[in-house]
């Protein structure tokens, strides 16, 4: 299982918005699908380890903003 990085999270948001606006390319839709798989695995991993969903991404964003 893989943890989602903050960069992947940001890219997921960009691609989701493009998809909703119906301007995403076929390649971007494939990338979105792949990132959604990572998202689901990350949420599952965090729940199994007792952390709230996306705990490590929140922690990573906090570390970047303070240092």
C-alpha atoms as a PDB file:
ATOM      1  CA  UNK A   1       0.000   0.000   0.000  1.00  0.00           C
ATOM      2  CA  UNK A   2       1.166   3.489  -0.825  1.00  0.00           C
ATOM      3  CA  UNK A   3       0.749   6.764   1.060  1.00  0.00           C
ATOM      4  CA  UNK A   4      -0.335   9.793  -0.949  1.00  0.00           C
ATOM      5  CA  UNK A   5       2.096  12.696  -0.942  1.00  0.00           C
ATOM      6  CA  UNK A   6       0.965  16.296  -0.676  1.00  0.00           C
ATOM      7  CA  UNK A   7       2.045  16.822  -4.300  1.00  0.00           C
ATOM      8  CA  UNK A   8      -0.166  13.927  -5.404  1.00  0.00           C
ATOM      9  CA  UNK A   9      -3.001  15.354  -3.309  1.00  0.00           C
ATOM     10  CA  UNK A  10      -2.638  18.746  -5.000  1.00  0.00           C
ATOM     11  CA  UNK A  11      -2.535  17.112  -8.436  1.00  0.00           C
ATOM     12  CA  UNK A  12      -5.624  15.040  -7.570  1.00  0.00           C
ATOM     13  CA  UNK A  13      -7.517  18.238  -6.773  1.00  0.00           C
ATOM     14  CA  UNK A  14      -6.426  19.890 -10.036  1.00  0.00           C
ATOM     15  CA  UNK A  15      -7.415  16.877 -12.117  1.00  0.00           C
ATOM     16  CA  UNK A  16     -10.735  16.464 -10.301  1.00  0.00           C
ATOM     17  CA  UNK A  17     -11.608  20.069 -11.062  1.00  0.00           C
ATOM     18  CA  UNK A  18     -10.648  19.640 -14.727  1.00  0.00           C
ATOM     19  CA  UNK A  19     -12.759  16.501 -14.895  1.00  0.00           C
ATOM     20  CA  UNK A  20     -15.772  18.251 -13.365  1.00  0.00           C
ATOM     21  CA  UNK A  21     -15.384  21.073 -15.879  1.00  0.00           C
ATOM     22  CA  UNK A  22     -15.112  18.467 -18.675  1.00  0.00           C
ATOM     23  CA  UNK A  23     -11.760  19.808 -19.905  1.00  0.00           C
ATOM     24  CA  UNK A  24      -9.503  16.918 -18.817  1.00  0.00           C
ATOM     25  CA  UNK A  25      -7.654  14.988 -21.518  1.00  0.00           C
ATOM     26  CA  UNK A  26      -7.774  11.213 -21.751  1.00  0.00           C
ATOM     27  CA  UNK A  27      -4.314  11.018 -20.207  1.00  0.00           C
ATOM     28  CA  UNK A  28      -5.406  13.274 -17.317  1.00  0.00           C
ATOM     29  CA  UNK A  29      -8.458  11.080 -16.693  1.00  0.00           C
ATOM     30  CA  UNK A  30      -6.182   8.030 -16.499  1.00  0.00           C
ATOM     31  CA  UNK A  31      -3.904   9.904 -14.082  1.00  0.00           C
ATOM     32  CA  UNK A  32      -6.945  10.909 -12.022  1.00  0.00           C
ATOM     33  CA  UNK A  33      -8.049   7.283 -11.823  1.00  0.00           C
ATOM     34  CA  UNK A  34      -4.581   6.244 -10.679  1.00  0.00           C
ATOM     35  CA  UNK A  35      -4.465   8.988  -8.039  1.00  0.00           C
ATOM     36  CA  UNK A  36      -7.924   8.014  -6.787  1.00  0.00           C
ATOM     37  CA  UNK A  37      -6.610   4.488  -6.229  1.00  0.00           C
ATOM     38  CA  UNK A  38      -3.707   5.882  -4.192  1.00  0.00           C
ATOM     39  CA  UNK A  39      -6.192   8.103  -2.270  1.00  0.00           C
ATOM     40  CA  UNK A  40      -8.348   5.096  -1.377  1.00  0.00           C
ATOM     41  CA  UNK A  41      -5.320   3.072  -0.292  1.00  0.00           C
ATOM     42  CA  UNK A  42      -4.073   5.989   1.826  1.00  0.00           C
ATOM     43  CA  UNK A  43      -7.403   6.397   3.599  1.00  0.00           C
ATOM     44  CA  UNK A  44      -7.590   2.651   4.243  1.00  0.00           C
ATOM     45  CA  UNK A  45      -3.996   2.532   5.536  1.00  0.00           C
ATOM     46  CA  UNK A  46      -4.575   5.480   7.875  1.00  0.00           C
ATOM     47  CA  UNK A  47      -7.796   3.998   9.223  1.00  0.00           C
ATOM     48  CA  UNK A  48      -6.114   0.633   9.851  1.00  0.00           C
ATOM     49  CA  UNK A  49      -3.252   2.334  11.710  1.00  0.00           C
ATOM     50  CA  UNK A  50      -5.630   4.327  13.906  1.00  0.00           C
ATOM     51  CA  UNK A  51      -5.009   7.714  12.270  1.00  0.00           C
ATOM     52  CA  UNK A  52      -7.705   9.907  10.784  1.00  0.00           C
ATOM     53  CA  UNK A  53      -7.858   9.826   6.972  1.00  0.00           C
ATOM     54  CA  UNK A  54      -4.999  11.734   5.308  1.00  0.00           C
ATOM     55  CA  UNK A  55      -3.237  12.266   8.642  1.00  0.00           C
ATOM     56  CA  UNK A  56       0.245  12.220   7.057  1.00  0.00           C
ATOM     57  CA  UNK A  57      -0.714  14.761   4.356  1.00  0.00           C
ATOM     58  CA  UNK A  58      -1.982  17.199   6.988  1.00  0.00           C
ATOM     59  CA  UNK A  59       1.211  16.655   8.974  1.00  0.00           C
ATOM     60  CA  UNK A  60       3.352  17.218   5.857  1.00  0.00           C
ATOM     61  CA  UNK A  61       1.528  20.476   5.005  1.00  0.00           C
ATOM     62  CA  UNK A  62       2.012  21.712   8.570  1.00  0.00           C
ATOM     63  CA  UNK A  63       5.735  20.932   8.435  1.00  0.00           C
ATOM     64  CA  UNK A  64       6.130  22.786   5.123  1.00  0.00           C
ATOM     65  CA  UNK A  65       4.344  25.873   6.445  1.00  0.00           C
ATOM     66  CA  UNK A  66       6.459  26.053   9.620  1.00  0.00           C
ATOM     67  CA  UNK A  67       9.847  25.191   8.219  1.00  0.00           C
END
